[in-house]
Amino acid sequence: MWFIIPIFHGLSLMPLRRLSSSRPTINNHLTRYYPVTAADLRAGDWQEIIVATGIKGRTPAIPGIDHPMVMSYTDAILGRKPIGDKVAVIGAGGIGFDVAELTSHKGVSASLDVKVFAREWGIDFENHPRGGVAGVTPEVAKSDKEIYLLQRKATSIGKGLGKTTGWAHRISLKRKGVHMIPGVEYQQIDDQGLHISIDGQEKILDVNSVVICAGQESERHLYDQLLASQVADNAPIHLIGGADVAHEIDAKHAISQGSRLAAKL
């Protein structure tokens, strides 16, 4: 039995040879960076098709969103476009915080060096003061970039982050000098920078890079092609993960869907 699973940057073919009614053997054939099309799937003799193409960043309708200084968070994280020294991050969810952390980072990461971690969080592992922290002042290298982390909601920045880690992310960015601003209305992007309004007061942020972290949308282009080409007449099509529901990149939900579908098939 053969299944085909299109995934974000490639094509996964899963032949399933059943040795008995209870113990199947699965061989995986993975092909990376292969742009799967509905025509490819139409040409194959598939018994099931699973579409797990994930998500894509949402592009807000801001005048000037196509300006050369604007980039998606994937381009920023993967280094596809250079990030300037004056940066506006639109969207202060989990990805917005990640981009702000990446952009403001300087020197060795505290996640990779115990001494750096101790210095940034004011911990003394050598002299052992009371609690390891009494009288120890955190020392964090200020970012050499001017960074604005913006959100439309008027609630406090980072309120929706994880309860056990959100506070640490907020403190980390604050110590690095990142400007965190809620209640922002985005007006336009042009050569002057990012035009915004806060409580009715208009302002221009003098930036040379704008990173869009304004949520996600399901990537269903291939799925829609399959439905339009009537491939489903020959093989059932299953939609799972972010391609089904794009909700803040919910890995737990995607894994659950994939596992349950695999067990069912």
Protein backbone atom coordinates (compact mmCIF):
# COMPACT_ATOMS: atom_id res chain seq x y z
CA MET A 1 0.00 0.00 0.00
CA TRP A 2 1.33 3.42 -0.94
CA PHE A 3 0.74 6.76 0.71
CA ILE A 4 2.00 10.12 -0.46
CA ILE A 5 2.57 12.93 2.00
CA PRO A 6 3.51 16.34 0.56
CA ILE A 7 5.41 18.24 3.23
CA PHE A 8 6.56 21.85 3.39
CA HIS A 9 9.75 21.69 1.30
CA GLY A 10 9.49 18.29 -0.29
CA LEU A 11 7.75 15.09 -1.16
CA SER A 12 7.53 12.03 1.07
CA LEU A 13 6.48 8.70 -0.44
CA MET A 14 5.53 6.03 2.08
CA PRO A 15 5.15 2.50 0.69
CA LEU A 16 3.41 0.26 3.18
CA ARG A 17 3.97 -3.47 2.68
CA ARG A 18 1.71 -5.46 4.96
CA LEU A 19 3.32 -8.68 6.21
CA SER A 20 0.41 -9.59 8.43
CA SER A 21 -2.86 -8.06 9.58
CA SER A 22 -1.21 -6.56 12.68
CA ARG A 23 2.45 -5.90 11.82
CA PRO A 24 2.99 -3.65 8.79
CA THR A 25 6.45 -2.72 7.55
CA ILE A 26 6.90 0.89 6.49
CA ASN A 27 9.68 2.08 4.21
CA ASN A 28 10.12 5.82 3.85
CA HIS A 29 11.35 7.43 0.65
CA LEU A 30 12.06 11.11 1.22
CA THR A 31 12.71 13.64 -1.50
CA ARG A 32 13.69 17.16 -0.39
CA TYR A 33 13.14 20.41 -2.24
CA TYR A 34 10.88 18.83 -4.82
CA PRO A 35 7.99 21.12 -5.76
CA VAL A 36 5.02 18.79 -5.65
CA THR A 37 2.15 19.60 -8.00
CA ALA A 38 -1.30 18.21 -8.52
CA ALA A 39 -0.08 16.83 -11.86
CA ASP A 40 2.55 14.73 -10.03
CA LEU A 41 -0.08 13.22 -7.81
CA ARG A 42 -2.54 12.71 -10.64
CA ALA A 43 0.07 10.61 -12.45
CA GLY A 44 0.61 8.25 -9.48
CA ASP A 45 -1.37 5.25 -8.35
CA TRP A 46 -2.01 6.38 -4.79
CA GLN A 47 -4.42 4.84 -2.34
CA GLU A 48 -4.29 7.71 0.15
CA ILE A 49 -2.98 11.27 -0.08
CA ILE A 50 -2.02 13.17 3.08
CA VAL A 51 -1.45 16.90 2.71
CA ALA A 52 0.74 18.29 5.50
CA THR A 53 2.07 21.42 3.81
CA GLY A 54 2.01 23.47 7.01
CA ILE A 55 1.62 27.23 7.21
CA LYS A 56 2.82 30.45 5.64
CA GLY A 57 3.27 33.84 7.23
CA ARG A 58 0.27 36.14 7.00
CA THR A 59 0.84 39.37 5.08
CA PRO A 60 -1.09 42.29 6.62
CA ALA A 61 -2.77 44.82 4.35
CA ILE A 62 -0.48 47.77 5.08
CA PRO A 63 0.21 50.31 2.32
CA GLY A 64 3.82 49.84 1.25
CA ILE A 65 4.00 46.23 2.44
CA ASP A 66 5.94 45.46 -0.76
CA HIS A 67 8.68 47.97 0.09
CA PRO A 68 12.23 46.51 -0.28
CA MET A 69 12.90 46.93 3.46
CA VAL A 70 10.02 44.58 4.34
CA MET A 71 10.71 40.88 4.86
CA SER A 72 8.92 37.82 6.22
CA TYR A 73 10.06 36.23 9.46
CA THR A 74 11.25 33.17 7.54
CA ASP A 75 13.53 35.35 5.40
CA ALA A 76 14.83 37.06 8.54
CA ILE A 77 15.45 33.86 10.49
CA LEU A 78 17.04 31.98 7.59
CA GLY A 79 19.19 34.95 6.59
CA ARG A 80 17.70 35.25 3.11
CA LYS A 81 17.54 39.03 3.47
CA PRO A 82 19.93 41.24 5.44
CA ILE A 83 18.54 42.88 8.57
CA GLY A 84 19.47 46.52 9.07
CA ASP A 85 20.49 48.31 12.25
CA LYS A 86 17.07 49.93 12.78
CA VAL A 87 14.38 47.26 12.90
CA ALA A 88 10.63 47.18 13.39
CA VAL A 89 9.08 43.79 14.18
CA ILE A 90 5.35 43.79 13.40
CA GLY A 91 3.66 41.26 15.67
CA ALA A 92 4.64 40.38 19.24
CA GLY A 93 3.61 36.76 19.44
CA GLY A 94 6.04 33.89 19.93
CA ILE A 95 7.69 34.36 16.54
CA GLY A 96 7.92 38.13 17.01
CA PHE A 97 9.80 37.56 20.27
CA ASP A 98 12.07 35.02 18.57
CA VAL A 99 12.92 37.48 15.79
CA ALA A 100 13.53 40.29 18.31
CA GLU A 101 15.80 37.98 20.31
CA LEU A 102 17.68 36.91 17.19
CA THR A 103 18.05 40.47 15.96
CA SER A 104 19.18 41.87 19.32
CA HIS A 105 21.60 39.03 20.02
CA LYS A 106 25.22 39.98 20.47
CA GLY A 107 28.18 37.72 21.21
CA VAL A 108 27.92 34.18 22.59
CA SER A 109 24.40 32.98 23.33
CA ALA A 110 23.50 32.45 26.98
CA SER A 111 21.85 29.21 25.90
CA LEU A 112 25.26 27.85 24.87
CA ASP A 113 27.55 29.19 27.59
CA VAL A 114 27.01 28.75 31.35
CA LYS A 115 29.17 31.75 32.26
CA VAL A 116 27.26 34.03 29.89
CA PHE A 117 23.96 32.72 31.26
CA ALA A 118 25.08 33.35 34.84
CA ARG A 119 26.30 36.87 34.00
CA GLU A 120 23.08 37.83 32.17
CA TRP A 121 20.81 36.53 34.94
CA GLY A 122 22.90 37.68 37.91
CA ILE A 123 23.92 34.26 39.21
CA ASP A 124 27.18 33.63 41.07
CA PHE A 125 28.23 29.97 40.85
CA GLU A 126 31.66 30.59 42.37
CA ASN A 127 31.22 32.65 45.55
CA HIS A 128 27.84 31.13 46.40
CA PRO A 129 25.96 34.13 47.85
CA ARG A 130 22.56 33.54 49.42
CA GLY A 131 20.41 31.80 46.83
CA GLY A 132 23.25 32.23 44.33
CA VAL A 133 21.85 35.63 43.38
CA ALA A 134 21.93 37.90 46.47
CA GLY A 135 23.78 41.11 45.65
CA VAL A 136 24.60 40.02 42.09
CA THR A 137 23.65 42.49 39.35
CA PRO A 138 22.76 41.04 35.92
CA GLU A 139 25.03 42.21 33.11
CA VAL A 140 23.55 42.06 29.63
CA ALA A 141 25.22 43.35 26.48
CA LYS A 142 23.00 46.03 24.94
CA SER A 143 22.10 45.45 21.34
CA ASP A 144 23.83 47.65 18.79
CA LYS A 145 20.56 47.77 16.85
CA GLU A 146 17.51 49.95 17.43
CA ILE A 147 14.65 47.46 17.64
CA TYR A 148 10.91 48.02 18.01
CA LEU A 149 8.63 45.09 18.89
CA LEU A 150 5.08 46.17 18.01
CA GLN A 151 1.58 44.78 18.38
CA ARG A 152 -1.93 45.99 17.61
CA LYS A 153 -3.46 44.75 20.86
CA ALA A 154 -3.48 47.21 23.74
CA THR A 155 -2.65 44.45 26.22
CA SER A 156 0.86 44.10 27.62
CA ILE A 157 3.51 42.76 25.24
CA GLY A 158 4.10 39.05 25.64
CA LYS A 159 0.91 38.34 27.59
CA GLY A 160 0.15 35.34 25.39
CA LEU A 161 3.55 33.68 25.77
CA GLY A 162 4.09 30.55 27.82
CA LYS A 163 3.54 31.07 31.55
CA THR A 164 6.84 29.49 32.54
CA THR A 165 9.05 31.25 29.97
CA GLY A 166 7.23 34.40 28.85
CA TRP A 167 8.53 36.49 31.75
CA ALA A 168 12.12 35.51 30.91
CA HIS A 169 11.72 36.53 27.25
CA ARG A 170 10.25 39.91 28.24
CA ILE A 171 13.03 40.64 30.74
CA SER A 172 15.71 39.54 28.28
CA LEU A 173 14.52 41.91 25.54
CA LYS A 174 13.99 44.77 27.98
CA ARG A 175 17.56 44.44 29.25
CA LYS A 176 18.85 44.49 25.67
CA GLY A 177 17.09 47.79 25.05
CA VAL A 178 14.31 46.54 22.76
CA HIS A 179 11.34 48.96 22.60
CA MET A 180 8.12 46.99 23.21
CA ILE A 181 5.05 48.98 22.16
CA PRO A 182 1.38 47.80 22.31
CA GLY A 183 -1.73 49.42 20.83
CA VAL A 184 -0.14 50.26 17.49
CA GLU A 185 -2.02 51.09 14.30
CA TYR A 186 0.06 50.57 11.17
CA GLN A 187 -0.51 53.27 8.57
CA GLN A 188 2.10 52.80 5.86
CA ILE A 189 5.68 51.87 5.00
CA ASP A 190 7.84 54.07 2.79
CA ASP A 191 11.38 55.42 2.47
CA GLN A 192 10.90 57.45 5.66
CA GLY A 193 10.24 54.30 7.67
CA LEU A 194 7.18 52.79 9.35
CA HIS A 195 4.27 55.18 9.91
CA ILE A 196 2.23 54.26 12.99
CA SER A 197 -0.38 55.73 15.29
CA ILE A 198 -0.60 55.19 19.07
CA ASP A 199 -3.63 56.53 20.93
CA GLY A 200 -4.30 58.84 18.01
CA GLN A 201 -0.76 60.22 18.00
CA GLU A 202 0.99 59.72 14.67
CA LYS A 203 4.65 58.82 14.59
CA ILE A 204 7.26 57.69 12.07
CA LEU A 205 9.73 55.02 13.17
CA ASP A 206 13.02 55.66 11.41
CA VAL A 207 13.80 52.06 10.48
CA ASN A 208 15.51 50.35 7.56
CA SER A 209 14.10 46.87 8.11
CA VAL A 210 10.55 45.74 8.81
CA VAL A 211 10.02 42.09 9.74
CA ILE A 212 6.46 40.75 9.45
CA CYS A 213 5.47 38.39 12.27
CA ALA A 214 1.72 38.95 12.02
CA GLY A 215 0.47 35.40 12.40
CA GLN A 216 0.08 32.50 10.01
CA GLU A 217 -2.26 31.15 7.38
CA SER A 218 -2.74 27.58 6.24
CA GLU A 219 -0.72 26.66 3.16
CA ARG A 220 -3.44 24.99 1.08
CA HIS A 221 -2.36 25.77 -2.47
CA LEU A 222 -1.61 22.14 -3.31
CA TYR A 223 -4.71 20.91 -1.49
CA ASP A 224 -6.94 23.27 -3.47
CA GLN A 225 -5.27 22.12 -6.70
CA LEU A 226 -5.96 18.50 -5.81
CA LEU A 227 -9.63 19.18 -5.14
CA ALA A 228 -9.98 21.13 -8.39
CA SER A 229 -8.27 18.38 -10.42
CA GLN A 230 -10.55 15.66 -9.04
CA VAL A 231 -7.64 13.58 -7.72
CA ALA A 232 -9.87 12.74 -4.77
CA ASP A 233 -11.98 10.61 -7.10
CA ASN A 234 -9.14 8.08 -7.15
CA ALA A 235 -7.61 8.50 -3.68
CA PRO A 236 -8.96 10.02 -0.45
CA ILE A 237 -7.22 13.29 0.50
CA HIS A 238 -6.47 14.03 4.16
CA LEU A 239 -5.53 17.50 5.40
CA ILE A 240 -3.57 17.68 8.67
CA GLY A 241 -1.41 19.98 10.79
CA GLY A 242 -1.03 23.66 10.06
CA ALA A 243 -2.45 23.13 6.58
CA ASP A 244 -5.71 22.21 8.31
CA VAL A 245 -5.69 24.72 11.16
CA ALA A 246 -3.10 27.51 11.41
CA HIS A 247 -3.23 28.33 15.09
CA GLU A 248 0.06 29.79 16.31
CA ILE A 249 2.02 26.82 14.92
CA ASP A 250 0.44 24.30 17.28
CA ALA A 251 2.86 21.36 17.04
CA LYS A 252 0.94 19.36 19.64
CA HIS A 253 -2.23 19.50 17.55
CA ALA A 254 -0.35 18.61 14.35
CA ILE A 255 1.39 15.61 15.95
CA SER A 256 -1.91 14.39 17.37
CA GLN A 257 -3.61 14.62 13.97
CA GLY A 258 -0.76 12.84 12.21
CA SER A 259 -0.55 10.06 14.78
CA ARG A 260 -4.29 9.43 14.83
CA LEU A 261 -4.53 9.40 11.05
CA ALA A 262 -1.56 7.02 10.76
CA ALA A 263 -3.16 4.65 13.28
CA LYS A 264 -6.45 4.79 11.38
CA LEU A 265 -4.84 4.05 8.01
